[in-house]
Protein backbone atom coordinates (compact mmCIF):
# COMPACT_ATOMS: atom_id res chain seq x y z
CA MET A 1 81.61 -34.14 -54.70
CA GLN A 2 81.11 -38.07 -52.99
CA GLN A 3 82.74 -38.17 -49.58
CA LYS A 4 85.07 -41.46 -49.36
CA ILE A 5 84.43 -43.92 -46.49
CA VAL A 6 86.44 -46.71 -44.76
CA CYS A 7 84.70 -48.73 -42.56
CA PHE A 8 87.08 -50.84 -40.28
CA GLY A 9 86.78 -53.88 -38.24
CA GLU A 10 85.11 -57.38 -38.16
CA VAL A 11 83.49 -59.15 -41.25
CA LEU A 12 82.03 -62.20 -39.94
CA TRP A 13 78.84 -64.60 -39.88
CA ASP A 14 76.06 -64.62 -37.75
CA ILE A 15 75.04 -67.94 -37.05
CA LEU A 16 71.59 -68.51 -36.61
CA PRO A 17 69.10 -71.21 -36.05
CA SER A 18 68.18 -70.95 -39.19
CA GLY A 19 71.13 -70.63 -41.12
CA LYS A 20 74.36 -67.82 -41.27
CA LEU A 21 74.21 -64.76 -42.14
CA PRO A 22 76.87 -62.35 -43.46
CA GLY A 23 77.46 -59.93 -40.45
CA GLY A 24 79.92 -57.25 -38.60
CA ALA A 25 78.70 -53.97 -37.75
CA PRO A 26 81.49 -52.46 -40.03
CA MET A 27 80.44 -54.40 -42.98
CA ASN A 28 76.64 -54.07 -42.18
CA VAL A 29 77.32 -50.00 -42.25
CA ALA A 30 79.50 -50.27 -45.78
CA ILE A 31 76.43 -52.28 -47.39
CA HIS A 32 73.92 -49.81 -46.03
CA LEU A 33 75.92 -46.66 -47.13
CA ARG A 34 76.31 -48.54 -50.59
CA ARG A 35 72.24 -48.97 -50.72
CA ASN A 36 72.73 -44.80 -49.95
CA GLY A 37 75.14 -44.23 -53.05
CA PHE A 38 78.03 -44.24 -51.59
CA ASP A 39 81.35 -46.45 -52.36
CA PRO A 40 82.65 -47.54 -49.03
CA ALA A 41 85.44 -49.46 -48.88
CA VAL A 42 86.22 -52.25 -46.25
CA VAL A 43 89.11 -52.87 -43.95
CA SER A 44 89.23 -56.07 -42.82
CA ARG A 45 90.87 -59.78 -42.66
CA VAL A 46 88.84 -63.31 -43.82
CA GLY A 47 90.63 -66.94 -43.55
CA ASN A 48 91.90 -68.88 -46.36
CA ASP A 49 88.56 -70.89 -45.87
CA ASP A 50 85.13 -71.55 -47.90
CA LEU A 51 83.25 -69.02 -45.21
CA GLY A 52 86.37 -66.49 -45.98
CA LYS A 53 85.52 -66.90 -49.88
CA GLU A 54 81.88 -66.60 -49.59
CA LEU A 55 81.83 -63.55 -47.46
CA VAL A 56 84.12 -62.00 -50.08
CA SER A 57 81.94 -63.11 -52.74
CA PHE A 58 78.73 -61.57 -50.75
CA LEU A 59 79.90 -58.00 -50.51
CA LYS A 60 81.03 -58.01 -53.92
CA GLU A 61 77.42 -58.89 -54.84
CA GLN A 62 76.30 -55.87 -52.67
CA HIS A 63 79.09 -53.89 -55.09
CA VAL A 64 80.99 -53.16 -52.02
CA ASN A 65 84.90 -52.58 -52.49
CA THR A 66 86.77 -55.73 -51.11
CA ASP A 67 90.23 -54.38 -52.31
CA TRP A 68 91.45 -53.65 -48.20
CA ILE A 69 90.30 -57.33 -47.02
CA GLN A 70 93.40 -58.97 -46.10
CA THR A 71 92.94 -62.81 -46.47
CA GLY A 72 94.77 -64.94 -43.56
CA GLN A 73 96.23 -68.44 -43.41
CA THR A 74 96.64 -69.09 -39.68
CA HIS A 75 92.90 -68.27 -38.51
CA LEU A 76 89.57 -69.09 -39.51
CA THR A 77 87.01 -66.47 -40.74
CA GLY A 78 84.91 -65.00 -37.90
CA VAL A 79 81.68 -66.53 -36.55
CA VAL A 80 78.94 -65.44 -34.32
CA LYS A 81 76.57 -67.38 -32.83
CA ALA A 82 73.83 -65.05 -32.18
CA ASN A 83 70.56 -65.88 -29.77
CA ILE A 84 67.74 -64.27 -31.20
CA SER A 85 65.26 -65.75 -28.54
CA ASP A 86 64.18 -62.36 -27.38
CA ARG A 87 64.06 -61.20 -30.92
CA ASN A 88 64.34 -57.24 -29.20
CA GLU A 89 67.54 -58.07 -27.33
CA VAL A 90 69.80 -60.25 -29.43
CA THR A 91 73.04 -61.30 -27.23
CA TYR A 92 76.43 -62.89 -28.94
CA LYS A 93 78.34 -65.42 -28.89
CA ILE A 94 81.73 -64.24 -30.55
CA VAL A 95 84.06 -67.07 -31.75
CA GLU A 96 87.87 -66.08 -30.77
CA PRO A 97 90.35 -65.84 -32.11
CA VAL A 98 89.30 -65.53 -36.02
CA ALA A 99 91.29 -64.36 -38.66
CA TRP A 100 89.94 -60.38 -38.35
CA ASP A 101 91.42 -60.10 -34.99
CA TYR A 102 94.78 -60.06 -37.05
CA ILE A 103 94.44 -57.27 -39.52
CA GLN A 104 97.66 -56.43 -40.74
CA PHE A 105 98.95 -52.59 -40.97
CA GLU A 106 99.48 -51.86 -44.60
CA GLU A 107 100.97 -48.94 -46.23
CA ARG A 108 98.27 -48.81 -49.40
CA THR A 109 95.42 -48.36 -46.57
CA ALA A 110 97.26 -45.60 -44.54
CA GLU A 111 97.12 -44.09 -48.03
CA LEU A 112 93.93 -44.94 -48.59
CA ILE A 113 92.63 -43.84 -44.71
CA SER A 114 94.68 -40.57 -45.28
CA GLN A 115 92.99 -39.27 -48.12
CA SER A 116 89.50 -40.61 -47.34
CA ASP A 117 86.64 -38.38 -45.60
CA VAL A 118 85.16 -40.40 -43.03
CA PHE A 119 86.61 -43.34 -41.02
CA ILE A 120 84.40 -45.28 -39.23
CA TYR A 121 85.30 -48.09 -36.49
CA GLY A 122 84.11 -50.01 -33.38
CA SER A 123 85.20 -51.35 -30.26
CA LEU A 124 85.00 -55.24 -30.72
CA VAL A 125 88.17 -55.14 -33.43
CA ALA A 126 90.30 -53.86 -30.79
CA ARG A 127 90.21 -56.79 -28.46
CA ASN A 128 93.35 -58.45 -29.85
CA THR A 129 96.25 -56.79 -29.97
CA THR A 130 97.29 -56.90 -33.10
CA SER A 131 93.96 -55.30 -34.88
CA GLN A 132 94.22 -52.94 -31.83
CA GLU A 133 97.62 -51.88 -32.89
CA THR A 134 96.62 -51.56 -36.36
CA LEU A 135 93.73 -49.55 -35.48
CA PHE A 136 95.73 -47.15 -33.56
CA GLN A 137 98.32 -46.47 -35.96
CA TYR A 138 95.41 -45.42 -38.74
CA LEU A 139 93.27 -43.56 -36.11
CA PRO A 140 95.80 -40.44 -36.08
CA LEU A 141 95.65 -40.71 -40.58
CA ALA A 142 92.03 -40.44 -40.07
CA ASN A 143 89.68 -37.02 -40.98
CA LEU A 144 85.98 -37.22 -39.72
CA LYS A 145 86.57 -40.36 -37.29
CA ILE A 146 83.14 -42.11 -36.18
CA PHE A 147 83.32 -44.19 -33.16
CA ASP A 148 80.57 -46.93 -33.23
CA VAL A 149 80.69 -48.10 -29.82
CA ASN A 150 78.99 -51.26 -30.05
CA LEU A 151 80.13 -52.87 -26.86
CA ARG A 152 79.57 -56.44 -26.94
CA PRO A 153 80.71 -58.78 -23.36
CA PRO A 154 83.44 -59.55 -22.12
CA HIS A 155 85.49 -58.19 -25.35
CA TYR A 156 86.53 -54.84 -24.06
CA THR A 157 87.55 -52.82 -21.10
CA PRO A 158 87.15 -49.27 -19.82
CA GLU A 159 90.04 -48.27 -20.71
CA ARG A 160 90.63 -49.73 -24.34
CA VAL A 161 87.00 -47.86 -25.04
CA LEU A 162 87.63 -44.31 -23.66
CA THR A 163 91.29 -44.54 -25.38
CA LEU A 164 88.92 -45.28 -28.54
CA LEU A 165 86.73 -42.54 -27.99
CA GLU A 166 89.40 -39.83 -27.25
CA PHE A 167 90.10 -40.15 -31.09
CA ALA A 168 86.43 -39.57 -32.31
CA ASP A 169 85.10 -36.55 -33.96
CA ILE A 170 81.31 -38.23 -33.59
CA VAL A 171 80.23 -41.36 -31.42
CA LYS A 172 77.15 -43.44 -31.72
CA MET A 173 75.92 -45.43 -28.76
CA ASN A 174 72.72 -47.22 -27.67
CA HIS A 175 71.63 -45.87 -24.29
CA GLN A 176 72.72 -49.05 -22.11
CA GLU A 177 76.43 -48.07 -23.69
CA LEU A 178 75.86 -44.26 -22.86
CA ALA A 179 74.37 -45.28 -19.44
CA GLU A 180 77.87 -47.63 -18.85
CA LEU A 181 80.21 -45.20 -20.42
CA CYS A 182 79.11 -42.61 -17.60
CA GLU A 183 79.43 -45.28 -15.11
CA TRP A 184 83.33 -45.02 -15.81
CA LEU A 185 83.71 -41.74 -15.72
CA GLY A 186 81.40 -40.75 -12.71
CA ALA A 187 78.73 -39.00 -14.70
CA GLU A 188 75.43 -38.31 -13.38
CA GLY A 189 72.43 -36.87 -14.32
CA ASP A 190 69.74 -37.77 -17.29
CA PRO A 191 70.50 -39.30 -20.41
CA LYS A 192 70.91 -35.65 -21.94
CA GLN A 193 73.02 -34.62 -19.47
CA GLN A 194 75.35 -37.67 -19.79
CA MET A 195 75.58 -37.05 -23.82
CA GLN A 196 76.47 -33.41 -23.39
CA PHE A 197 79.42 -34.49 -20.66
CA LEU A 198 80.68 -36.98 -22.99
CA LYS A 199 80.33 -34.39 -25.93
CA ASP A 200 82.49 -31.83 -23.31
CA ARG A 201 84.87 -34.20 -21.74
CA PHE A 202 85.98 -35.92 -25.19
CA ASN A 203 85.60 -32.69 -27.72
CA LEU A 204 83.12 -34.33 -29.95
CA GLU A 205 81.29 -33.04 -32.65
CA LEU A 206 78.39 -35.27 -32.30
CA VAL A 207 76.83 -37.75 -29.68
CA ILE A 208 74.03 -40.15 -31.37
CA VAL A 209 71.98 -42.47 -29.02
CA THR A 210 70.20 -45.29 -30.08
CA ARG A 211 67.08 -46.15 -27.38
CA GLY A 212 65.32 -49.40 -29.49
CA ASP A 213 62.20 -49.13 -30.07
CA GLN A 214 61.89 -45.75 -28.03
CA GLY A 215 64.14 -43.80 -30.98
CA ALA A 216 67.26 -42.11 -30.50
CA ALA A 217 68.59 -38.96 -29.51
CA ALA A 218 71.49 -36.47 -30.96
CA LEU A 219 73.40 -33.65 -29.57
CA ASN A 220 75.82 -31.29 -31.43
CA GLU A 221 76.35 -27.75 -30.99
CA THR A 222 73.13 -26.48 -32.44
CA GLY A 223 71.19 -28.36 -29.68
CA TYR A 224 69.84 -31.58 -28.55
CA PHE A 225 66.99 -33.46 -30.55
CA GLU A 226 65.07 -36.76 -30.31
CA HIS A 227 63.03 -38.76 -32.33
CA GLU A 228 60.47 -41.32 -30.72
CA GLY A 229 60.94 -43.91 -32.83
CA PHE A 230 58.39 -46.11 -34.85
CA GLN A 231 56.36 -48.72 -33.78
CA VAL A 232 56.90 -52.40 -35.87
CA GLU A 233 56.51 -55.74 -35.83
CA VAL A 234 59.86 -57.26 -35.05
CA GLU A 235 61.31 -60.14 -36.94
CA ASP A 236 65.20 -59.46 -35.78
CA THR A 237 66.39 -56.63 -34.36
CA ILE A 238 69.97 -57.63 -36.21
CA GLY A 239 72.09 -54.82 -38.38
CA SER A 240 69.24 -51.96 -37.23
CA GLY A 241 71.64 -49.68 -35.68
CA ASP A 242 73.99 -50.38 -38.36
CA ALA A 243 71.41 -49.47 -40.84
CA PHE A 244 70.44 -46.80 -38.38
CA LEU A 245 74.11 -45.16 -38.93
CA ALA A 246 74.26 -45.40 -42.47
CA THR A 247 71.05 -43.65 -42.74
CA PHE A 248 72.33 -40.95 -40.34
CA LEU A 249 75.42 -40.45 -41.76
CA THR A 250 74.15 -40.05 -45.27
CA ASN A 251 71.79 -37.12 -44.17
CA TYR A 252 74.34 -35.88 -42.02
CA LEU A 253 77.08 -35.74 -44.51
CA GLN A 254 74.58 -34.35 -47.16
CA GLN A 255 74.12 -31.33 -44.45
CA LYS A 256 70.41 -32.10 -43.65
CA PRO A 257 68.84 -30.62 -40.29
CA LEU A 258 69.31 -33.05 -37.40
CA ASP A 259 65.61 -33.48 -36.35
CA HIS A 260 65.39 -34.69 -40.37
CA THR A 261 68.18 -36.95 -40.28
CA LEU A 262 67.46 -38.22 -37.13
CA GLU A 263 63.57 -39.05 -37.92
CA ARG A 264 65.37 -40.89 -41.67
CA ALA A 265 67.70 -42.81 -39.14
CA CYS A 266 64.83 -44.29 -37.03
CA LEU A 267 62.83 -44.82 -39.68
CA ILE A 268 65.39 -46.99 -41.29
CA GLY A 269 66.69 -48.51 -38.33
CA ALA A 270 62.63 -49.45 -37.39
CA PHE A 271 62.34 -51.01 -41.14
CA LEU A 272 65.51 -53.49 -40.65
CA ALA A 273 63.89 -54.76 -37.45
CA THR A 274 60.93 -56.03 -39.61
CA GLN A 275 63.31 -58.20 -42.17
CA ARG A 276 65.65 -60.67 -41.23
CA GLY A 277 69.25 -60.69 -41.14
CA ALA A 278 71.39 -57.26 -41.03
CA THR A 279 71.47 -56.67 -44.62
CA PRO A 280 68.32 -57.29 -46.35
CA ALA A 281 67.58 -55.38 -49.80
CA TYR A 282 65.66 -52.36 -50.04
CA VAL A 283 65.49 -48.80 -51.70
CA PRO A 284 66.11 -46.37 -49.10
CA GLN A 285 64.09 -43.57 -51.12
CA GLU A 286 61.09 -45.97 -51.07
CA ILE A 287 61.13 -46.34 -47.35
CA THR A 288 58.81 -43.36 -45.87
CA VAL A 289 56.76 -42.98 -42.48
CA GLU A 290 53.29 -44.14 -44.82
CA SER A 291 54.89 -47.34 -46.22
CA LEU A 292 56.01 -48.69 -42.88
CA THR A 293 52.76 -47.65 -41.61
CA ASN A 294 50.77 -49.67 -43.70
CA MET A 295 53.33 -52.41 -43.41
CA ASN A 296 52.57 -52.58 -39.73
CA LYS A 297 48.96 -52.60 -40.18
CA GLU A 298 49.40 -55.79 -42.49
CA HIS A 299 50.85 -57.81 -39.30
CA LEU A 300 48.31 -56.17 -37.40
CA PRO A 301 45.67 -59.36 -36.33
CA LEU A 302 42.09 -59.14 -37.91
């Protein structure tokens, strides 16, 4: 039976020099899950403005369930100014306060979450008290809880992130976030040892760490796995981590072997980096190691 998935958090517009693109990690993950045949619900909030209406319309075009997106009257739809001058390391200026800072608790959403199989959340949505409190009310109701750490300075505190980690069954972060979390906790050693420390300390089912163009690693009860990644001609890295997570979950929930799961996630994450924006159209089954290699060859100078 198809797994029911809820993605909780920010929906927004990434403002780039070339124009605006839909964004926000929970929304991006939902769209990539939809590409993989799931029917995820996004729980968020937009403003009663043109940007909000446009964002909801975009999600409907992507066939993503928008029934759980609230419309607020007092705050504008979220925008983020993305600086892509370094294509491999995008930086963000995240405007606040905006509509998704004020996601209200709703009984019907609580029921949705309790009846779902998977609940995905991040740290950014907890920057404001209202959405943070709503998240803390929903987390105890959720079944498999996946924490996509996604640290965005200055919108987090160590205490808040570690509290969010206490709820998680699965955590996904990048290598810089792994180092930062372990620094807070005084956990030394190499990345593999740090992943084991977090797994043991927070009683996690799975720890996933992405490493940019150096691939990714995963650690669970069966062992430690890593993949060296794929070298590609980068357009921008916006959404690569979200595509990685959605692909990883697709294969993980289908109980595919972890090494295969990691390779597929790295492959789709690398493909995303060759595209513009967080949610380009693609058919996951058509992305293979061979097709990515051929795409790379086309970019090589003669």
